[in-house]
PDB file of N, CA and C in Angstrom:
ATOM      1  N   MET A   1      86.297 205.279  48.899  1.00  0.00           N
ATOM      2  CA  MET A   1      85.342 204.398  49.544  1.00  0.00           C
ATOM      3  C   MET A   1      85.422 202.984  48.950  1.00  0.00           C
ATOM      4  N   ARG A   2      85.550 202.910  47.635  1.00  0.00           N
ATOM      5  CA  ARG A   2      85.604 201.610  46.972  1.00  0.00           C
ATOM      6  C   ARG A   2      86.858 200.837  47.400  1.00  0.00           C
ATOM      7  N   ARG A   3      87.966 201.548  47.548  1.00  0.00           N
ATOM      8  CA  ARG A   3      89.207 200.902  47.985  1.00  0.00           C
ATOM      9  C   ARG A   3      89.083 200.382  49.403  1.00  0.00           C
ATOM     10  N   LEU A   4      88.389 201.129  50.232  1.00  0.00           N
ATOM     11  CA  LEU A   4      88.172 200.700  51.615  1.00  0.00           C
ATOM     12  C   LEU A   4      87.364 199.408  51.647  1.00  0.00           C
ATOM     13  N   ILE A   5      86.330 199.338  50.839  1.00  0.00           N
ATOM     14  CA  ILE A   5      85.496 198.128  50.775  1.00  0.00           C
ATOM     15  C   ILE A   5      86.322 196.947  50.274  1.00  0.00           C
ATOM     16  N   LEU A   6      87.147 197.160  49.243  1.00  0.00           N
ATOM     17  CA  LEU A   6      88.001 196.090  48.728  1.00  0.00           C
ATOM     18  C   LEU A   6      89.000 195.625  49.783  1.00  0.00           C
ATOM     19  N   ALA A   7      89.596 196.571  50.482  1.00  0.00           N
ATOM     20  CA  ALA A   7      90.569 196.223  51.517  1.00  0.00           C
ATOM     21  C   ALA A   7      89.911 195.428  52.634  1.00  0.00           C
ATOM     22  N   LEU A   8      88.718 195.841  53.046  1.00  0.00           N
ATOM     23  CA  LEU A   8      88.004 195.122  54.098  1.00  0.00           C
ATOM     24  C   LEU A   8      87.609 193.721  53.642  1.00  0.00           C
ATOM     25  N   THR A   9      87.207 193.592  52.389  1.00  0.00           N
ATOM     26  CA  THR A   9      86.857 192.285  51.836  1.00  0.00           C
ATOM     27  C   THR A   9      88.065 191.359  51.853  1.00  0.00           C
ATOM     28  N   LEU A  10      89.221 191.885  51.437  1.00  0.00           N
ATOM     29  CA  LEU A  10      90.440 191.079  51.445  1.00  0.00           C
ATOM     30  C   LEU A  10      90.807 190.638  52.858  1.00  0.00           C
ATOM     31  N   LEU A  11      90.707 191.547  53.804  1.00  0.00           N
ATOM     32  CA  LEU A  11      91.013 191.201  55.187  1.00  0.00           C
ATOM     33  C   LEU A  11      90.054 190.148  55.718  1.00  0.00           C
ATOM     34  N   LEU A  12      88.790 190.291  55.389  1.00  0.00           N
ATOM     35  CA  LEU A  12      87.786 189.340  55.833  1.00  0.00           C
ATOM     36  C   LEU A  12      88.066 187.948  55.266  1.00  0.00           C
ATOM     37  N   LEU A  13      88.330 187.864  53.971  1.00  0.00           N
ATOM     38  CA  LEU A  13      88.601 186.577  53.335  1.00  0.00           C
ATOM     39  C   LEU A  13      89.889 185.956  53.858  1.00  0.00           C
ATOM     40  N   THR A  14      90.889 186.775  54.082  1.00  0.00           N
ATOM     41  CA  THR A  14      92.140 186.274  54.634  1.00  0.00           C
ATOM     42  C   THR A  14      91.908 185.729  56.039  1.00  0.00           C
ATOM     43  N   GLY A  15      91.084 186.410  56.816  1.00  0.00           N
ATOM     44  CA  GLY A  15      90.756 185.945  58.160  1.00  0.00           C
ATOM     45  C   GLY A  15      90.033 184.614  58.142  1.00  0.00           C
ATOM     46  N   PHE A  16      89.095 184.445  57.219  1.00  0.00           N
ATOM     47  CA  PHE A  16      88.398 183.172  57.094  1.00  0.00           C
ATOM     48  C   PHE A  16      89.365 182.057  56.732  1.00  0.00           C
ATOM     49  N   ALA A  17      90.264 182.323  55.806  1.00  0.00           N
ATOM     50  CA  ALA A  17      91.231 181.310  55.376  1.00  0.00           C
ATOM     51  C   ALA A  17      92.151 180.920  56.519  1.00  0.00           C
ATOM     52  N   THR A  18      92.589 181.887  57.293  1.00  0.00           N
ATOM     53  CA  THR A  18      93.476 181.621  58.421  1.00  0.00           C
ATOM     54  C   THR A  18      92.749 180.828  59.498  1.00  0.00           C
ATOM     55  N   ALA A  19      91.516 181.191  59.784  1.00  0.00           N
ATOM     56  CA  ALA A  19      90.741 180.518  60.823  1.00  0.00           C
ATOM     57  C   ALA A  19      90.431 179.072  60.457  1.00  0.00           C
ATOM     58  N   GLN A  20      90.309 178.773  59.181  1.00  0.00           N
ATOM     59  CA  GLN A  20      89.918 177.446  58.748  1.00  0.00           C
ATOM     60  C   GLN A  20      91.074 176.633  58.175  1.00  0.00           C
ATOM     61  N   SER A  21      92.290 177.114  58.278  1.00  0.00           N
ATOM     62  CA  SER A  21      93.418 176.443  57.649  1.00  0.00           C
ATOM     63  C   SER A  21      93.690 175.052  58.205  1.00  0.00           C
ATOM     64  N   GLY A  22      93.258 174.760  59.441  1.00  0.00           N
ATOM     65  CA  GLY A  22      93.476 173.446  60.024  1.00  0.00           C
ATOM     66  C   GLY A  22      92.550 172.388  59.466  1.00  0.00           C
ATOM     67  N   ASP A  23      91.452 172.770  58.889  1.00  0.00           N
ATOM     68  CA  ASP A  23      90.465 171.849  58.337  1.00  0.00           C
ATOM     69  C   ASP A  23      90.803 171.585  56.873  1.00  0.00           C
ATOM     70  N   THR A  24      91.079 170.326  56.516  1.00  0.00           N
ATOM     71  CA  THR A  24      91.496 170.011  55.156  1.00  0.00           C
ATOM     72  C   THR A  24      90.359 170.150  54.144  1.00  0.00           C
ATOM     73  N   GLN A  25      89.114 170.139  54.585  1.00  0.00           N
ATOM     74  CA  GLN A  25      87.982 170.250  53.677  1.00  0.00           C
ATOM     75  C   GLN A  25      87.615 171.705  53.381  1.00  0.00           C
ATOM     76  N   SER A  26      88.130 172.623  54.163  1.00  0.00           N
ATOM     77  CA  SER A  26      87.782 174.022  53.967  1.00  0.00           C
ATOM     78  C   SER A  26      88.878 174.726  53.194  1.00  0.00           C
ATOM     79  N   GLY A  27      88.708 175.997  53.003  1.00  0.00           N
ATOM     80  CA  GLY A  27      89.685 176.798  52.289  1.00  0.00           C
ATOM     81  C   GLY A  27      88.975 177.771  51.383  1.00  0.00           C
ATOM     82  N   LEU A  28      89.702 178.246  50.415  1.00  0.00           N
ATOM     83  CA  LEU A  28      89.161 179.200  49.469  1.00  0.00           C
ATOM     84  C   LEU A  28      89.284 178.662  48.061  1.00  0.00           C
ATOM     85  N   LEU A  29      88.547 179.288  47.177  1.00  0.00           N
ATOM     86  CA  LEU A  29      88.555 178.927  45.776  1.00  0.00           C
ATOM     87  C   LEU A  29      88.759 180.194  44.959  1.00  0.00           C
ATOM     88  N   CYS A  30      89.684 180.176  44.017  1.00  0.00           N
ATOM     89  CA  CYS A  30      89.861 181.302  43.096  1.00  0.00           C
ATOM     90  C   CYS A  30      88.796 181.142  42.009  1.00  0.00           C
ATOM     91  N   THR A  31      87.897 182.112  41.906  1.00  0.00           N
ATOM     92  CA  THR A  31      86.792 182.001  40.942  1.00  0.00           C
ATOM     93  C   THR A  31      87.260 182.162  39.502  1.00  0.00           C
ATOM     94  N   LEU A  32      88.442 182.708  39.292  1.00  0.00           N
ATOM     95  CA  LEU A  32      88.952 182.887  37.929  1.00  0.00           C
ATOM     96  C   LEU A  32      89.590 181.617  37.390  1.00  0.00           C
ATOM     97  N   THR A  33      90.286 180.876  38.254  1.00  0.00           N
ATOM     98  CA  THR A  33      90.995 179.675  37.806  1.00  0.00           C
ATOM     99  C   THR A  33      90.324 178.385  38.259  1.00  0.00           C
ATOM    100  N   GLY A  34      89.464 178.474  39.291  1.00  0.00           N
ATOM    101  CA  GLY A  34      88.822 177.287  39.835  1.00  0.00           C
ATOM    102  C   GLY A  34      89.724 176.493  40.764  1.00  0.00           C
ATOM    103  N   LYS A  35      90.910 177.026  41.081  1.00  0.00           N
ATOM    104  CA  LYS A  35      91.862 176.321  41.941  1.00  0.00           C
ATOM    105  C   LYS A  35      91.523 176.537  43.412  1.00  0.00           C
ATOM    106  N   LYS A  36      91.685 175.467  44.222  1.00  0.00           N
ATOM    107  CA  LYS A  36      91.557 175.586  45.667  1.00  0.00           C
ATOM    108  C   LYS A  36      92.840 176.204  46.191  1.00  0.00           C
ATOM    109  N   ILE A  37      92.699 177.146  47.122  1.00  0.00           N
ATOM    110  CA  ILE A  37      93.847 177.835  47.690  1.00  0.00           C
ATOM    111  C   ILE A  37      93.705 177.902  49.203  1.00  0.00           C
ATOM    112  N   ALA A  38      94.829 177.978  49.894  1.00  0.00           N
ATOM    113  CA  ALA A  38      94.812 178.016  51.361  1.00  0.00           C
ATOM    114  C   ALA A  38      94.523 179.417  51.875  1.00  0.00           C
ATOM    115  N   THR A  39      95.058 180.436  51.198  1.00  0.00           N
ATOM    116  CA  THR A  39      94.838 181.823  51.599  1.00  0.00           C
ATOM    117  C   THR A  39      94.456 182.630  50.367  1.00  0.00           C
ATOM    118  N   CYS A  40      93.875 183.778  50.601  1.00  0.00           N
ATOM    119  CA  CYS A  40      93.433 184.634  49.499  1.00  0.00           C
ATOM    120  C   CYS A  40      94.605 184.979  48.590  1.00  0.00           C
ATOM    121  N   CYS A  41      94.401 184.857  47.290  1.00  0.00           N
ATOM    122  CA  CYS A  41      95.474 185.104  46.328  1.00  0.00           C
ATOM    123  C   CYS A  41      95.474 186.545  45.826  1.00  0.00           C
ATOM    124  N   CYS A  42      94.429 187.308  46.076  1.00  0.00           N
ATOM    125  CA  CYS A  42      94.337 188.678  45.572  1.00  0.00           C
ATOM    126  C   CYS A  42      95.387 189.554  46.239  1.00  0.00           C
ATOM    127  N   GLU A  43      95.995 190.418  45.443  1.00  0.00           N
ATOM    128  CA  GLU A  43      97.011 191.314  45.975  1.00  0.00           C
ATOM    129  C   GLU A  43      96.956 192.649  45.244  1.00  0.00           C
ATOM    130  N   LYS A  44      97.588 193.652  45.843  1.00  0.00           N
ATOM    131  CA  LYS A  44      97.684 194.967  45.216  1.00  0.00           C
ATOM    132  C   LYS A  44      98.933 194.998  44.342  1.00  0.00           C
ATOM    133  N   LYS A  45      98.794 195.476  43.115  1.00  0.00           N
ATOM    134  CA  LYS A  45      99.931 195.589  42.207  1.00  0.00           C
ATOM    135  C   LYS A  45      99.723 196.851  41.381  1.00  0.00           C
ATOM    136  N   ASP A  46     100.677 197.759  41.459  1.00  0.00           N
ATOM    137  CA  ASP A  46     100.600 199.034  40.732  1.00  0.00           C
ATOM    138  C   ASP A  46      99.314 199.790  41.054  1.00  0.00           C
ATOM    139  N   GLY A  47      98.867 199.709  42.312  1.00  0.00           N
ATOM    140  CA  GLY A  47      97.676 200.422  42.755  1.00  0.00           C
ATOM    141  C   GLY A  47      96.357 199.780  42.347  1.00  0.00           C
ATOM    142  N   LYS A  48      96.401 198.606  41.741  1.00  0.00           N
ATOM    143  CA  LYS A  48      95.189 197.902  41.326  1.00  0.00           C
ATOM    144  C   LYS A  48      95.152 196.536  41.985  1.00  0.00           C
ATOM    145  N   LEU A  49      93.976 195.956  42.049  1.00  0.00           N
ATOM    146  CA  LEU A  49      93.813 194.609  42.581  1.00  0.00           C
ATOM    147  C   LEU A  49      94.230 193.624  41.490  1.00  0.00           C
ATOM    148  N   TYR A  50      94.991 192.601  41.866  1.00  0.00           N
ATOM    149  CA  TYR A  50      95.589 191.680  40.899  1.00  0.00           C
ATOM    150  C   TYR A  50      95.463 190.248  41.394  1.00  0.00           C
ATOM    151  N   CYS A  51      95.184 189.328  40.483  1.00  0.00           N
ATOM    152  CA  CYS A  51      95.144 187.898  40.805  1.00  0.00           C
ATOM    153  C   CYS A  51      96.380 187.247  40.190  1.00  0.00           C
ATOM    154  N   PRO A  52      97.335 186.792  41.012  1.00  0.00           N
ATOM    155  CA  PRO A  52      98.543 186.170  40.469  1.00  0.00           C
ATOM    156  C   PRO A  52      98.280 184.795  39.849  1.00  0.00           C
ATOM    157  N   LEU A  53      97.218 184.127  40.243  1.00  0.00           N
ATOM    158  CA  LEU A  53      96.905 182.826  39.642  1.00  0.00           C
ATOM    159  C   LEU A  53      96.402 182.980  38.210  1.00  0.00           C
ATOM    160  N   ALA A  54      95.549 183.974  37.987  1.00  0.00           N
ATOM    161  CA  ALA A  54      95.021 184.227  36.650  1.00  0.00           C
ATOM    162  C   ALA A  54      95.929 185.174  35.863  1.00  0.00           C
ATOM    163  N   LYS A  55      96.871 185.810  36.585  1.00  0.00           N
ATOM    164  CA  LYS A  55      97.828 186.747  35.981  1.00  0.00           C
ATOM    165  C   LYS A  55      97.140 187.907  35.273  1.00  0.00           C
ATOM    166  N   LYS A  56      96.179 188.541  36.003  1.00  0.00           N
ATOM    167  CA  LYS A  56      95.514 189.701  35.425  1.00  0.00           C
ATOM    168  C   LYS A  56      94.929 190.596  36.511  1.00  0.00           C
ATOM    169  N   ALA A  57      94.730 191.861  36.149  1.00  0.00           N
ATOM    170  CA  ALA A  57      94.100 192.826  37.050  1.00  0.00           C
ATOM    171  C   ALA A  57      92.614 192.493  37.144  1.00  0.00           C
ATOM    172  N   ILE A  58      92.043 192.719  38.333  1.00  0.00           N
ATOM    173  CA  ILE A  58      90.635 192.393  38.569  1.00  0.00           C
ATOM    174  C   ILE A  58      89.938 193.560  39.238  1.00  0.00           C
ATOM    175  N   GLU A  59      88.617 193.611  39.133  1.00  0.00           N
ATOM    176  CA  GLU A  59      87.815 194.677  39.741  1.00  0.00           C
ATOM    177  C   GLU A  59      87.519 194.410  41.201  1.00  0.00           C
ATOM    178  N   SER A  60      87.246 193.156  41.537  1.00  0.00           N
ATOM    179  CA  SER A  60      86.960 192.801  42.929  1.00  0.00           C
ATOM    180  C   SER A  60      87.624 191.467  43.232  1.00  0.00           C
ATOM    181  N   CYS A  61      87.736 191.162  44.505  1.00  0.00           N
ATOM    182  CA  CYS A  61      88.436 189.956  44.931  1.00  0.00           C
ATOM    183  C   CYS A  61      87.821 188.707  44.285  1.00  0.00           C
ATOM    184  N   CYS A  62      88.687 187.820  43.813  1.00  0.00           N
ATOM    185  CA  CYS A  62      88.226 186.614  43.115  1.00  0.00           C
ATOM    186  C   CYS A  62      88.206 185.389  44.016  1.00  0.00           C
ATOM    187  N   CYS A  63      88.498 185.564  45.298  1.00  0.00           N
ATOM    188  CA  CYS A  63      88.521 184.440  46.239  1.00  0.00           C
ATOM    189  C   CYS A  63      87.169 184.303  46.934  1.00  0.00           C
ATOM    190  N   LYS A  64      86.699 183.084  47.050  1.00  0.00           N
ATOM    191  CA  LYS A  64      85.449 182.837  47.785  1.00  0.00           C
ATOM    192  C   LYS A  64      85.625 181.566  48.590  1.00  0.00           C
ATOM    193  N   PRO A  65      84.847 181.402  49.646  1.00  0.00           N
ATOM    194  CA  PRO A  65      84.942 180.184  50.445  1.00  0.00           C
ATOM    195  C   PRO A  65      84.644 178.951  49.584  1.00  0.00           C
ATOM    196  N   ALA A  66      85.452 177.921  49.741  1.00  0.00           N
ATOM    197  CA  ALA A  66      85.246 176.684  48.989  1.00  0.00           C
ATOM    198  C   ALA A  66      84.063 175.935  49.578  1.00  0.00           C
ATOM    199  N   ALA A  67      83.310 175.261  48.725  1.00  0.00           N
ATOM    200  CA  ALA A  67      82.168 174.474  49.191  1.00  0.00           C
ATOM    201  C   ALA A  67      82.671 173.287  49.974  1.00  0.00           C
ATOM    202  N   ARG A  68      81.970 172.950  51.018  1.00  0.00           N
ATOM    203  CA  ARG A  68      82.370 171.809  51.858  1.00  0.00           C
ATOM    204  C   ARG A  68      81.743 170.551  51.384  1.00  0.00           C
TER     205      ARG A  68
END
């Protein structure tokens, strides 16, 4: 169940990033590094959720909508 919720969260965030990619003021923010990103950086690695920007395994997605 937890994996399903994580997968849905990732899909949702990726959808938001894709829908807003034309707007230069929008996007996502990696909460671990503080970097603005165009698409969600969270990925699956060795069966765990991983942030390639912070280079570490994470419990939940670290991407959030950037403030406008």
